Amino acid sequence: MNLMLPRRRLAGLGLAAALVTAYGSSQPTPPPTALPTAVPPTAATPSEVASPSPDAPAGTPPASPAPSGSFDPGGVAIGLEPLVEGLEAPLGVVNAGDGSGRIFVVEKGGRIRIVHDGRVAAEPFLDISANVSRGGEQGLLGLAFHPDFPDDPRFFVNYTDAAGDTHIAAFTVDPANPDRADAGSEEQVLFVDQPYGNHNGGVVAFGPDGYLYVGLGDGGSGGDPHGNGQKLASRLAKVLRIDVDARAGGRAYAIPADNPFASRSGAAPEVFALGLRNPWRFSFDRETADLWIGDVGQGAWEEVDVVRAGTSGQNFGWNRMEGAHCYRPSEGCDPGGLTPPVAEYSHKNGCTVIGGFVYRGAAQPALAGGYLFADYCSGAIWAIDPTSDGPTEPTVVGQTEASLTSFGEDEAGELYATDIRGGQLLRVIANPR
């Protein structure tokens, strides 16, 4: 039975307006939840805006017509069914890929909870709340288990510390208890200084190639005042790609040899893709290995980007472009060398894109092969045919009263979502329409 959730907040766009107002100054006052909320343009002038390198690989795949039998978003209706309640500000949901059937829910305050057979374990899997800042968009933001887990007992988290800076850290599971992590096993993998309190990104995920991918926002404030989106020397406003199974150059990781800027002088070698304002959530299609990115917009447009398998080095345009539209300058910008979004929607329809997944499970055949994503503020749920390189007009396939912050898969590829205000883990249900 599909259950639409009861209203737990102000009307979506009204709340969005309040959040946008809260973010409108050069020293943002974030809302009380870790939401990568869009902000209006500011009058700040970047003190150091780097021009994009003319020889930066665009990575734009050639457009091709969708094959016959591709996903039709007009044929599906999406509902959300509560699975568990009583979570505290849930931001993410992942599985360990270990055959245990457990689902791990990331809580903003610094805990990871285990959900098994529809129940939340009494004791957290990990509690690092003493080390995690919780204001605004800060907190414990992401979780990824090593692809060889549990043979390799490490898992990786993305969190902000008391100063608001980003840590990518590895922990190991307690060898005496698979439901508890060893809180004393933390090893720092990557540290990134954050100039402001917002736009931290947050996702960590292993790709099909076994490398760890990290999403980082542009560093915050509004309009990218440091020009990080087009600055290859900065790891901000990027998707990073690192090898956590090796060490080199004094780092706790190695740089994959085929990273697109690994050998370029002055470039951060970890950079895999650039020109992203705040890639709050991204995911890999478990069938095609394409990387799908929901990039939170500034004051007008939200976008969905894709990195097709086998390509890299895409420049998605921020802060020259917001979505497929000029941002700086507001007219007459040069889109040359940039990869446009596959899909976008305006702030008439929401304010914060929540990147989702291409559905590859079996229990919801009406959604088979479709890419699902949502908006935090309006509660709208959209779907597109992921075989198209765009531009694609997203189709509304559901409407929820939940304040969605993420989607996630279980081991079988079934989809779930987190509701930060309701404290719920929700199951995605698809019916033919």
Protein backbone atom coordinates (compact mmCIF):
# COMPACT_ATOMS: atom_id res chain seq x y z
CA MET A 1 0.00 0.00 0.00
CA ASN A 2 1.36 3.40 -0.95
CA LEU A 3 1.23 5.99 1.82
CA MET A 4 1.55 9.70 1.22
CA LEU A 5 3.14 11.28 4.24
CA PRO A 6 1.30 13.78 6.46
CA ARG A 7 2.35 17.43 6.25
CA ARG A 8 5.11 18.18 8.77
CA ARG A 9 6.23 21.61 7.65
CA LEU A 10 5.21 24.82 5.98
CA ALA A 11 4.24 24.73 2.34
CA GLY A 12 7.35 23.72 0.40
CA LEU A 13 8.00 26.91 -1.51
CA GLY A 14 7.16 29.10 1.48
CA LEU A 15 9.76 27.29 3.54
CA ALA A 16 12.19 27.54 0.64
CA ALA A 17 11.79 31.31 0.61
CA ALA A 18 12.62 31.46 4.30
CA LEU A 19 15.73 29.37 3.77
CA VAL A 20 16.84 31.44 0.81
CA THR A 21 16.47 34.59 2.89
CA ALA A 22 18.57 33.05 5.63
CA TYR A 23 21.38 32.45 3.17
CA GLY A 24 21.38 35.81 1.48
CA SER A 25 24.26 37.53 3.30
CA SER A 26 28.00 37.21 2.83
CA GLN A 27 28.11 35.60 6.28
CA PRO A 28 25.28 33.08 5.90
CA THR A 29 23.02 32.17 8.79
CA PRO A 30 22.13 28.59 7.86
CA PRO A 31 18.84 26.95 8.79
CA PRO A 32 18.83 24.45 11.67
CA THR A 33 19.14 21.45 9.38
CA ALA A 34 21.96 20.36 7.08
CA LEU A 35 20.33 21.36 3.82
CA PRO A 36 22.33 22.33 0.73
CA THR A 37 19.86 25.12 0.10
CA ALA A 38 20.12 27.39 -2.91
CA VAL A 39 20.92 31.05 -2.22
CA PRO A 40 20.23 34.17 -4.25
CA PRO A 41 23.05 35.93 -6.10
CA THR A 42 25.09 38.30 -3.98
CA ALA A 43 26.82 41.51 -4.95
CA ALA A 44 30.19 40.16 -3.90
CA THR A 45 32.90 40.37 -6.52
CA PRO A 46 35.25 37.39 -6.65
CA SER A 47 38.68 38.35 -5.41
CA GLU A 48 40.32 35.65 -7.45
CA VAL A 49 38.28 34.14 -10.26
CA ALA A 50 40.31 31.87 -12.48
CA SER A 51 39.36 31.55 -16.12
CA PRO A 52 38.79 27.99 -17.27
CA SER A 53 41.75 26.47 -18.98
CA PRO A 54 41.12 26.47 -22.73
CA ASP A 55 42.58 23.02 -23.07
CA ALA A 56 40.62 21.50 -20.17
CA PRO A 57 38.98 18.32 -21.44
CA ALA A 58 35.29 18.98 -21.95
CA GLY A 59 34.38 15.32 -21.68
CA THR A 60 31.05 15.95 -23.39
CA PRO A 61 29.74 12.68 -24.81
CA PRO A 62 28.07 12.83 -28.21
CA ALA A 63 24.30 12.92 -28.08
CA SER A 64 22.54 9.87 -29.46
CA PRO A 65 18.88 8.93 -29.76
CA ALA A 66 17.42 6.82 -26.97
CA PRO A 67 17.08 3.16 -27.92
CA SER A 68 13.65 1.66 -28.43
CA GLY A 69 12.18 0.30 -25.22
CA SER A 70 13.84 2.99 -23.09
CA PHE A 71 12.27 4.19 -19.85
CA ASP A 72 9.09 6.27 -20.16
CA PRO A 73 8.68 8.51 -17.08
CA GLY A 74 5.07 9.19 -18.05
CA GLY A 75 4.22 5.60 -17.26
CA VAL A 76 5.09 5.54 -13.55
CA ALA A 77 3.70 7.02 -10.32
CA ILE A 78 5.95 7.15 -7.25
CA GLY A 79 4.88 6.89 -3.62
CA LEU A 80 6.84 6.69 -0.36
CA GLU A 81 6.13 4.12 2.33
CA PRO A 82 7.50 4.65 5.88
CA LEU A 83 9.90 1.89 6.91
CA VAL A 84 11.21 3.20 10.24
CA GLU A 85 10.71 6.33 12.34
CA GLY A 86 12.52 7.94 15.26
CA LEU A 87 15.73 8.82 13.41
CA GLU A 88 17.45 12.11 14.21
CA ALA A 89 17.94 14.30 11.14
CA PRO A 90 18.75 11.48 8.67
CA LEU A 91 20.83 12.60 5.70
CA GLY A 92 21.91 9.44 3.90
CA VAL A 93 21.19 5.75 3.42
CA VAL A 94 23.62 3.09 2.13
CA ASN A 95 24.23 -0.65 2.26
CA ALA A 96 27.43 -2.50 3.09
CA GLY A 97 27.29 -4.93 0.18
CA ASP A 98 28.10 -7.78 2.57
CA GLY A 99 24.99 -9.92 2.20
CA SER A 100 23.73 -9.01 5.67
CA GLY A 101 20.64 -7.16 4.48
CA ARG A 102 21.46 -4.24 6.77
CA ILE A 103 20.76 -0.64 5.82
CA PHE A 104 22.93 2.10 7.34
CA VAL A 105 21.41 5.53 7.93
CA VAL A 106 23.62 8.60 8.41
CA GLU A 107 22.39 11.09 11.00
CA LYS A 108 23.50 14.71 10.78
CA GLY A 109 24.57 14.88 14.42
CA GLY A 110 27.32 12.28 14.00
CA ARG A 111 25.74 8.85 14.35
CA ILE A 112 25.26 5.97 11.92
CA ARG A 113 22.24 3.78 12.66
CA ILE A 114 21.58 0.21 11.51
CA VAL A 115 18.17 -0.73 10.13
CA HIS A 116 17.54 -4.46 9.80
CA ASP A 117 14.25 -6.25 9.13
CA GLY A 118 12.38 -2.97 9.48
CA ARG A 119 13.78 -2.09 12.90
CA VAL A 120 16.42 0.36 14.10
CA ALA A 121 19.14 -1.18 16.25
CA ALA A 122 19.21 0.30 19.74
CA GLU A 123 22.94 1.06 19.64
CA PRO A 124 24.47 3.15 16.85
CA PHE A 125 26.96 1.56 14.50
CA LEU A 126 29.20 4.61 14.96
CA ASP A 127 28.92 7.71 17.14
CA ILE A 128 31.40 10.53 16.45
CA SER A 129 29.05 13.30 17.54
CA ALA A 130 31.74 14.77 19.82
CA ASN A 131 33.88 15.53 16.76
CA VAL A 132 31.21 16.80 14.37
CA SER A 133 29.95 20.34 13.86
CA ARG A 134 26.19 20.40 13.36
CA GLY A 135 25.29 23.93 12.27
CA GLY A 136 23.53 24.65 9.00
CA GLU A 137 24.80 22.42 6.22
CA GLN A 138 27.47 20.87 8.43
CA GLY A 139 27.48 17.49 10.14
CA LEU A 140 28.12 13.86 9.34
CA LEU A 141 27.27 14.02 5.65
CA GLY A 142 28.30 10.82 3.87
CA LEU A 143 29.19 7.13 4.22
CA ALA A 144 30.68 4.50 1.91
CA PHE A 145 31.79 0.94 2.66
CA HIS A 146 34.87 -0.45 0.97
CA PRO A 147 33.91 -2.57 -2.07
CA ASP A 148 35.61 -5.61 -0.46
CA PHE A 149 33.82 -5.19 2.85
CA PRO A 150 33.91 -7.09 5.19
CA ASP A 151 37.17 -8.69 3.98
CA ASP A 152 38.45 -5.14 4.01
CA PRO A 153 36.76 -3.87 7.19
CA ARG A 154 37.06 -0.16 6.36
CA PHE A 155 34.29 2.29 5.74
CA PHE A 156 34.68 5.97 4.88
CA VAL A 157 32.81 9.00 6.16
CA ASN A 158 32.57 12.65 5.21
CA TYR A 159 32.09 15.06 8.11
CA THR A 160 32.76 18.63 9.17
CA ASP A 161 34.76 19.27 12.33
CA ALA A 162 34.31 21.95 15.03
CA ALA A 163 35.90 24.54 12.73
CA GLY A 164 33.60 23.56 9.86
CA ASP A 165 36.33 21.94 7.76
CA THR A 166 35.84 18.75 5.79
CA HIS A 167 37.34 15.41 6.82
CA ILE A 168 37.26 12.24 4.76
CA ALA A 169 38.14 9.57 7.30
CA ALA A 170 38.35 5.78 7.42
CA PHE A 171 37.11 3.63 10.29
CA THR A 172 37.10 -0.14 10.77
CA VAL A 173 34.46 -2.45 12.16
CA ASP A 174 34.93 -3.92 15.60
CA PRO A 175 36.23 -7.45 14.89
CA ALA A 176 34.21 -8.76 17.83
CA ASN A 177 30.91 -7.19 16.77
CA PRO A 178 29.90 -6.61 13.12
CA ASP A 179 27.20 -4.18 14.28
CA ARG A 180 29.67 -1.81 15.93
CA ALA A 181 32.48 0.24 14.49
CA ASP A 182 35.74 0.77 16.32
CA ALA A 183 35.41 4.46 17.17
CA GLY A 184 39.12 4.61 17.99
CA SER A 185 40.19 3.37 14.56
CA GLU A 186 39.77 6.69 12.72
CA GLU A 187 42.40 7.44 10.10
CA GLN A 188 42.39 10.77 8.29
CA VAL A 189 42.38 10.31 4.53
CA LEU A 190 41.71 13.81 3.20
CA PHE A 191 41.31 17.25 4.80
CA VAL A 192 39.80 20.26 3.02
CA ASP A 193 39.65 23.73 4.54
CA GLN A 194 36.18 25.27 4.17
CA PRO A 195 36.12 29.08 3.91
CA TYR A 196 32.41 29.33 4.80
CA GLY A 197 29.85 27.17 6.59
CA ASN A 198 27.73 26.19 3.58
CA HIS A 199 28.16 24.33 0.29
CA ASN A 200 30.19 21.47 1.78
CA GLY A 201 28.97 18.83 -0.65
CA GLY A 202 28.90 15.65 1.39
CA VAL A 203 28.71 12.46 -0.62
CA VAL A 204 31.38 9.76 -0.67
CA ALA A 205 30.89 6.73 -2.91
CA PHE A 206 32.96 3.98 -4.44
CA GLY A 207 32.77 3.72 -8.20
CA PRO A 208 32.70 0.47 -10.18
CA ASP A 209 36.44 1.05 -10.72
CA GLY A 210 37.09 0.63 -6.98
CA TYR A 211 38.13 4.25 -6.46
CA LEU A 212 36.59 6.56 -3.88
CA TYR A 213 34.69 9.57 -5.24
CA VAL A 214 34.15 12.64 -3.06
CA GLY A 215 31.72 15.50 -3.74
CA LEU A 216 32.76 18.98 -2.54
CA GLY A 217 30.88 22.27 -2.92
CA ASP A 218 32.42 25.58 -3.89
CA GLY A 219 33.25 26.59 -0.32
CA GLY A 220 30.12 28.59 0.40
CA SER A 221 28.85 32.13 0.76
CA GLY A 222 27.03 33.01 -2.49
CA GLY A 223 28.10 33.21 -6.11
CA ASP A 224 31.41 31.40 -5.54
CA PRO A 225 33.37 34.48 -4.34
CA HIS A 226 36.72 32.63 -4.52
CA GLY A 227 36.13 31.35 -8.05
CA ASN A 228 36.66 27.73 -7.02
CA GLY A 229 34.29 26.36 -9.65
CA GLN A 230 36.74 27.16 -12.46
CA LYS A 231 39.95 26.89 -10.45
CA LEU A 232 41.74 23.61 -11.10
CA ALA A 233 44.14 24.23 -8.23
CA SER A 234 41.27 23.98 -5.75
CA ARG A 235 39.59 20.77 -4.66
CA LEU A 236 36.41 22.73 -3.91
CA ALA A 237 33.51 22.72 -6.40
CA LYS A 238 34.66 19.37 -7.70
CA VAL A 239 34.14 15.63 -7.73
CA LEU A 240 37.40 14.07 -6.54
CA ARG A 241 38.64 10.55 -7.31
CA ILE A 242 41.25 8.82 -5.14
CA ASP A 243 42.71 5.36 -4.62
CA VAL A 244 42.39 4.45 -0.93
CA ASP A 245 44.10 1.08 -1.46
CA ALA A 246 47.48 2.68 -2.07
CA ARG A 247 49.61 5.52 -0.68
CA ALA A 248 51.86 7.90 -2.51
CA GLY A 249 53.32 11.38 -2.21
CA GLY A 250 52.91 11.51 1.54
CA ARG A 251 49.16 11.08 1.24
CA ALA A 252 46.92 8.42 2.77
CA TYR A 253 45.83 7.61 -0.79
CA ALA A 254 47.21 7.51 -4.32
CA ILE A 255 46.14 9.40 -7.42
CA PRO A 256 44.69 7.18 -10.16
CA ALA A 257 46.97 7.49 -13.18
CA ASP A 258 44.05 8.24 -15.50
CA ASN A 259 42.64 11.11 -13.46
CA PRO A 260 42.11 13.82 -16.08
CA PHE A 261 44.37 16.44 -14.46
CA ALA A 262 46.83 14.18 -12.67
CA SER A 263 49.80 15.38 -14.70
CA ARG A 264 48.80 19.00 -15.21
CA SER A 265 51.00 21.53 -13.46
CA GLY A 266 49.11 23.59 -10.91
CA ALA A 267 46.04 21.38 -10.89
CA ALA A 268 44.81 19.39 -7.91
CA PRO A 269 45.48 15.82 -9.09
CA GLU A 270 42.42 14.45 -7.29
CA VAL A 271 40.01 16.38 -9.55
CA PHE A 272 37.74 14.18 -11.66
CA ALA A 273 35.07 16.74 -12.68
CA LEU A 274 34.73 20.48 -12.02
CA GLY A 275 32.37 23.43 -12.25
CA LEU A 276 29.94 22.19 -9.58
CA ARG A 277 28.34 24.54 -7.08
CA ASN A 278 27.25 21.98 -4.48
CA PRO A 279 27.09 18.30 -5.52
CA TRP A 280 25.09 17.27 -2.46
CA ARG A 281 24.23 13.76 -3.71
CA PHE A 282 25.50 11.63 -6.58
CA SER A 283 25.32 7.95 -7.49
CA PHE A 284 26.61 5.36 -9.92
CA ASP A 285 24.30 3.42 -12.19
CA ARG A 286 25.09 -0.16 -11.18
CA GLU A 287 24.40 -1.36 -14.75
CA THR A 288 26.14 1.24 -16.95
CA ALA A 289 28.62 2.76 -14.42
CA ASP A 290 27.47 6.28 -15.38
CA LEU A 291 27.86 8.86 -12.61
CA TRP A 292 24.69 10.90 -11.90
CA ILE A 293 25.09 14.20 -10.02
CA GLY A 294 22.46 16.43 -8.46
CA ASP A 295 24.08 19.88 -8.28
CA VAL A 296 22.32 22.44 -6.08
CA GLY A 297 21.81 25.75 -7.85
CA GLN A 298 22.23 29.38 -6.86
CA GLY A 299 19.12 31.52 -7.14
CA ALA A 300 17.28 30.32 -10.21
CA TRP A 301 18.08 26.78 -11.49
CA GLU A 302 18.68 23.28 -10.15
CA GLU A 303 20.50 20.78 -12.35
CA VAL A 304 21.22 17.11 -12.94
CA ASP A 305 24.55 16.24 -14.58
CA VAL A 306 25.98 12.98 -15.85
CA VAL A 307 29.50 11.66 -16.40
CA ARG A 308 29.20 8.77 -18.82
CA ALA A 309 31.30 5.72 -18.07
CA GLY A 310 34.76 5.95 -19.58
CA THR A 311 34.81 9.77 -19.68
CA SER A 312 36.18 12.32 -17.20
CA GLY A 313 37.26 15.93 -16.87
CA GLN A 314 33.82 17.42 -17.50
CA ASN A 315 33.41 21.10 -16.65
CA PHE A 316 29.77 21.67 -15.66
CA GLY A 317 30.13 25.41 -15.80
CA TRP A 318 29.72 26.94 -12.34
CA ASN A 319 30.10 29.90 -11.86
CA ARG A 320 30.03 30.93 -15.53
CA MET A 321 26.76 29.06 -15.83
CA GLU A 322 23.93 28.10 -13.50
CA GLY A 323 22.44 25.07 -15.17
CA ALA A 324 22.20 25.87 -18.87
CA HIS A 325 21.97 29.64 -18.20
CA CYS A 326 24.54 32.41 -17.96
CA TYR A 327 25.44 33.40 -14.43
CA ARG A 328 28.64 35.45 -14.63
CA PRO A 329 28.21 37.43 -16.79
CA SER A 330 24.42 37.27 -16.69
CA GLU A 331 24.25 37.54 -20.48
CA GLY A 332 26.57 36.64 -23.32
CA CYS A 333 28.64 34.08 -21.43
CA ASP A 334 30.79 31.64 -23.38
CA PRO A 335 29.59 28.02 -22.99
CA GLY A 336 32.54 26.70 -24.95
CA GLY A 337 34.22 23.69 -23.34
CA LEU A 338 31.38 23.22 -20.85
CA THR A 339 29.15 20.19 -20.41
CA PRO A 340 25.49 21.22 -20.07
CA PRO A 341 23.14 19.52 -17.62
CA VAL A 342 21.05 16.58 -18.72
CA ALA A 343 18.04 18.05 -16.92
CA GLU A 344 17.20 21.17 -14.93
CA TYR A 345 14.25 22.86 -13.25
CA SER A 346 13.65 26.42 -12.15
CA HIS A 347 13.06 27.78 -8.67
CA LYS A 348 9.41 28.11 -9.57
CA ASN A 349 9.33 24.36 -8.89
CA GLY A 350 11.72 23.96 -5.95
CA CYS A 351 15.01 25.14 -4.49
CA THR A 352 17.32 22.20 -3.67
CA VAL A 353 17.84 19.21 -5.94
CA ILE A 354 18.27 15.85 -4.21
CA GLY A 355 20.20 13.64 -6.60
CA GLY A 356 18.90 10.09 -6.87
CA PHE A 357 19.53 6.79 -8.61
CA VAL A 358 18.88 4.88 -11.78
CA TYR A 359 16.62 2.10 -10.55
CA ARG A 360 18.05 -1.37 -11.16
CA GLY A 361 16.02 -3.38 -8.64
CA ALA A 362 13.33 -5.95 -9.36
CA ALA A 363 10.47 -5.19 -6.95
CA GLN A 364 9.28 -2.03 -8.77
CA PRO A 365 9.18 -2.94 -12.48
CA ALA A 366 7.32 0.26 -13.43
CA LEU A 367 10.49 2.21 -12.53
CA ALA A 368 12.95 -0.14 -14.23
CA GLY A 369 15.77 1.79 -15.89
CA GLY A 370 14.54 5.23 -14.82
CA TYR A 371 16.56 7.93 -13.06
CA LEU A 372 14.69 9.25 -10.01
CA PHE A 373 15.46 12.50 -8.15
CA ALA A 374 13.59 15.04 -6.01
CA ASP A 375 13.50 18.53 -4.52
CA TYR A 376 13.86 19.18 -0.80
CA CYS A 377 11.66 22.29 -0.67
CA SER A 378 8.71 21.49 -2.93
CA GLY A 379 8.60 17.73 -2.28
CA ALA A 380 8.32 17.03 -6.00
CA ILE A 381 9.77 13.76 -7.30
CA TRP A 382 10.92 13.66 -10.92
CA ALA A 383 12.11 10.97 -13.32
CA ILE A 384 13.93 11.04 -16.63
CA ASP A 385 15.10 8.53 -19.20
CA PRO A 386 18.83 8.17 -18.38
CA THR A 387 19.74 7.07 -21.89
CA SER A 388 19.25 10.64 -23.11
CA ASP A 389 22.12 13.12 -22.96
CA GLY A 390 19.62 15.97 -22.78
CA PRO A 391 18.42 18.49 -22.54
CA THR A 392 15.60 16.44 -21.00
CA GLU A 393 12.43 17.86 -19.48
CA PRO A 394 11.95 16.05 -16.16
CA THR A 395 8.55 14.50 -15.51
CA VAL A 396 6.85 14.82 -12.13
CA VAL A 397 6.13 11.26 -11.00
CA GLY A 398 5.28 11.89 -7.36
CA GLN A 399 4.59 14.50 -4.70
CA THR A 400 5.55 14.02 -1.07
CA GLU A 401 5.09 15.98 2.15
CA ALA A 402 8.46 14.67 3.36
CA SER A 403 11.59 16.85 3.53
CA LEU A 404 13.78 14.58 1.45
CA THR A 405 17.55 14.76 1.86
CA SER A 406 18.79 11.65 0.04
CA PHE A 407 18.02 8.49 -1.84
CA GLY A 408 19.87 5.21 -1.39
CA GLU A 409 19.94 1.57 -2.46
CA ASP A 410 19.87 -1.69 -0.56
CA GLU A 411 21.92 -4.63 -1.77
CA ALA A 412 19.21 -5.68 -4.21
CA GLY A 413 18.99 -2.23 -5.77
CA GLU A 414 15.71 -1.29 -4.10
CA LEU A 415 15.41 2.43 -3.39
CA TYR A 416 14.90 4.28 -0.11
CA ALA A 417 14.78 7.95 0.89
CA THR A 418 15.46 9.92 4.07
CA ASP A 419 13.13 12.53 5.55
CA ILE A 420 15.10 14.92 7.76
CA ARG A 421 12.21 16.63 9.49
CA GLY A 422 10.06 13.55 9.95
CA GLY A 423 13.02 11.43 11.08
CA GLN A 424 11.99 8.66 8.74
CA LEU A 425 13.50 6.11 6.39
CA LEU A 426 11.08 5.67 3.49
CA ARG A 427 10.72 2.94 0.91
CA VAL A 428 10.21 4.01 -2.74
CA ILE A 429 7.14 2.40 -4.31
CA ALA A 430 6.42 2.58 -8.06
CA ASN A 431 3.08 1.86 -9.72
CA PRO A 432 2.27 1.93 -13.42
CA ARG A 433 0.30 4.95 -14.54
